[in-house]
Amino acid sequence: MEIKKSIVYGILSGLGILLFFLAILTTFKGYGIAVYEFKRLWYWLIPLAIGFGTQIGLYFSIKHDAIMKAGVKASGTVSGGSMVVCCSHYLLSIIPIIGVTGLTEFLMAYQKGFFAIGITSSIAGILLMLNHKRKMKGGLC
């Protein structure tokens, strides 16, 4: 039962972060732009969501301790932040502040880099949790 619960939490978390992406874009630019951006960036968004969902599933399948909580928080924050940075150039375009244009251009120029950081963070989080789970099975934790 515990494994099924972990899988459900993982799937819901992965879908949740994709819905988060779509909700932000839909709120600020409309549903059509959200769908367009998803189609344009799916090859970054799907691995990010899978990595996040996998981490959440692993988190609920292993012993909870301070190290795991910190790892999930850090990696989850990076994953969520990557989603926000992805579409933040749309958000910034609605704020009429001088100098925001430069920030928008910066975010657009490094958008894929932010995704890469998010995916790398997810992989690191997954490896950390798998290592922790392996140690638990060996009686080290």
Protein backbone atom coordinates (compact mmCIF):
# COMPACT_ATOMS: atom_id res chain seq x y z
CA MET A 1 0.00 0.00 0.00
CA GLU A 2 2.82 2.40 0.87
CA ILE A 3 4.45 1.96 -2.56
CA LYS A 4 1.17 2.69 -4.37
CA LYS A 5 0.76 5.83 -2.29
CA SER A 6 4.28 6.95 -3.22
CA ILE A 7 3.60 6.38 -6.91
CA VAL A 8 0.34 8.34 -6.75
CA TYR A 9 2.05 11.24 -4.95
CA GLY A 10 4.85 11.22 -7.53
CA ILE A 11 2.48 11.26 -10.50
CA LEU A 12 0.31 13.97 -8.95
CA SER A 13 3.38 16.08 -8.18
CA GLY A 14 4.73 15.77 -11.72
CA LEU A 15 1.35 16.70 -13.18
CA GLY A 16 1.02 19.47 -10.60
CA ILE A 17 4.21 21.21 -11.66
CA LEU A 18 3.09 21.08 -15.31
CA LEU A 19 -0.27 22.56 -14.29
CA PHE A 20 1.63 25.22 -12.34
CA PHE A 21 3.46 26.17 -15.55
CA LEU A 22 0.23 26.27 -17.56
CA ALA A 23 -1.62 28.21 -14.85
CA ILE A 24 1.02 30.94 -14.66
CA LEU A 25 1.09 31.44 -18.42
CA THR A 26 -2.68 31.22 -18.75
CA THR A 27 -3.14 33.79 -16.00
CA PHE A 28 -0.80 36.34 -17.53
CA LYS A 29 -0.90 35.68 -21.27
CA GLY A 30 -3.83 33.39 -22.01
CA TYR A 31 -4.43 29.75 -22.65
CA GLY A 32 -3.28 29.85 -26.29
CA ILE A 33 0.17 31.14 -25.31
CA ALA A 34 0.38 28.55 -22.52
CA VAL A 35 -0.30 25.72 -24.96
CA TYR A 36 2.09 27.22 -27.53
CA GLU A 37 4.89 27.47 -24.95
CA PHE A 38 4.23 23.94 -23.73
CA LYS A 39 4.50 22.61 -27.28
CA ARG A 40 7.65 24.67 -27.85
CA LEU A 41 9.37 23.57 -24.62
CA TRP A 42 7.91 20.13 -23.92
CA TYR A 43 11.31 18.45 -24.17
CA TRP A 44 12.46 20.53 -21.18
CA LEU A 45 9.19 20.57 -19.25
CA ILE A 46 8.47 16.84 -19.31
CA PRO A 47 11.89 15.75 -17.91
CA LEU A 48 11.63 18.47 -15.26
CA ALA A 49 8.17 17.26 -14.23
CA ILE A 50 9.24 13.60 -14.28
CA GLY A 51 12.27 14.38 -12.14
CA PHE A 52 10.20 16.38 -9.66
CA GLY A 53 7.51 13.68 -9.50
CA THR A 54 10.13 10.97 -9.04
CA GLN A 55 11.67 12.86 -6.14
CA ILE A 56 8.33 13.30 -4.44
CA GLY A 57 7.50 9.62 -4.94
CA LEU A 58 10.87 8.56 -3.54
CA TYR A 59 10.49 10.96 -0.65
CA PHE A 60 7.24 9.33 0.39
CA SER A 61 8.69 5.84 -0.05
CA ILE A 62 11.63 6.28 2.32
CA LYS A 63 12.25 7.20 5.90
CA HIS A 64 11.71 10.90 6.38
CA ASP A 65 14.57 12.75 8.00
CA ALA A 66 16.06 16.22 7.96
CA ILE A 67 18.47 15.46 5.11
CA MET A 68 15.71 14.17 2.83
CA LYS A 69 13.38 17.06 3.66
CA ALA A 70 16.13 19.57 2.89
CA GLY A 71 17.00 17.80 -0.37
CA VAL A 72 13.40 17.70 -1.58
CA LYS A 73 12.83 21.33 -0.62
CA ALA A 74 15.96 22.50 -2.40
CA SER A 75 15.41 20.47 -5.54
CA GLY A 76 11.69 21.19 -5.61
CA THR A 77 12.38 24.89 -5.28
CA VAL A 78 14.84 24.74 -8.19
CA SER A 79 12.33 22.78 -10.32
CA GLY A 80 9.50 25.17 -9.56
CA GLY A 81 11.82 28.13 -10.04
CA SER A 82 12.86 26.80 -13.43
CA MET A 83 9.21 26.66 -14.47
CA VAL A 84 8.67 30.24 -13.29
CA VAL A 85 11.83 31.52 -15.00
CA CYS A 86 10.70 29.83 -18.18
CA CYS A 87 7.64 31.99 -18.45
CA SER A 88 8.76 35.00 -16.41
CA HIS A 89 9.60 36.99 -19.53
CA TYR A 90 5.87 37.02 -20.18
CA LEU A 91 5.18 38.14 -16.62
CA LEU A 92 7.79 40.89 -16.79
CA SER A 93 6.38 42.26 -20.03
CA ILE A 94 3.24 43.35 -18.20
CA ILE A 95 5.17 45.37 -15.60
CA PRO A 96 5.85 48.89 -16.91
CA ILE A 97 9.12 49.48 -15.06
CA ILE A 98 12.20 50.89 -16.76
CA GLY A 99 14.95 48.30 -16.97
CA VAL A 100 12.67 45.28 -16.97
CA THR A 101 13.29 44.83 -20.69
CA GLY A 102 16.92 43.98 -19.99
CA LEU A 103 15.89 41.41 -17.39
CA THR A 104 13.41 39.91 -19.84
CA GLU A 105 16.11 39.57 -22.49
CA PHE A 106 18.45 37.97 -19.95
CA LEU A 107 15.83 35.43 -18.91
CA MET A 108 15.03 34.58 -22.53
CA ALA A 109 18.70 34.21 -23.43
CA TYR A 110 19.34 31.78 -20.57
CA GLN A 111 15.93 30.09 -20.43
CA LYS A 112 17.25 26.70 -21.52
CA GLY A 113 20.14 27.02 -19.07
CA PHE A 114 17.65 27.46 -16.24
CA PHE A 115 15.84 24.35 -17.39
CA ALA A 116 19.13 22.44 -17.51
CA ILE A 117 19.88 23.54 -13.94
CA GLY A 118 16.43 22.39 -12.84
CA ILE A 119 16.80 18.98 -14.51
CA THR A 120 20.32 18.55 -13.12
CA SER A 121 19.04 19.44 -9.68
CA SER A 122 16.29 16.83 -10.03
CA ILE A 123 18.79 14.17 -11.06
CA ALA A 124 20.99 15.04 -8.07
CA GLY A 125 17.98 14.88 -5.76
CA ILE A 126 16.92 11.50 -7.15
CA LEU A 127 20.44 10.09 -6.76
CA LEU A 128 20.62 11.40 -3.19
CA MET A 129 17.33 9.72 -2.31
CA LEU A 130 18.19 6.45 -4.03
CA ASN A 131 21.49 6.38 -2.13
CA HIS A 132 19.65 7.06 1.12
CA LYS A 133 17.14 4.31 0.34
CA ARG A 134 19.95 1.87 -0.46
CA LYS A 135 21.62 2.64 2.86
CA MET A 136 18.34 2.12 4.69
CA LYS A 137 17.95 -1.36 3.16
CA GLY A 138 21.50 -2.18 4.26
CA GLY A 139 20.66 -1.17 7.83
CA LEU A 140 22.93 1.86 7.79
CA CYS A 141 20.18 4.34 8.65
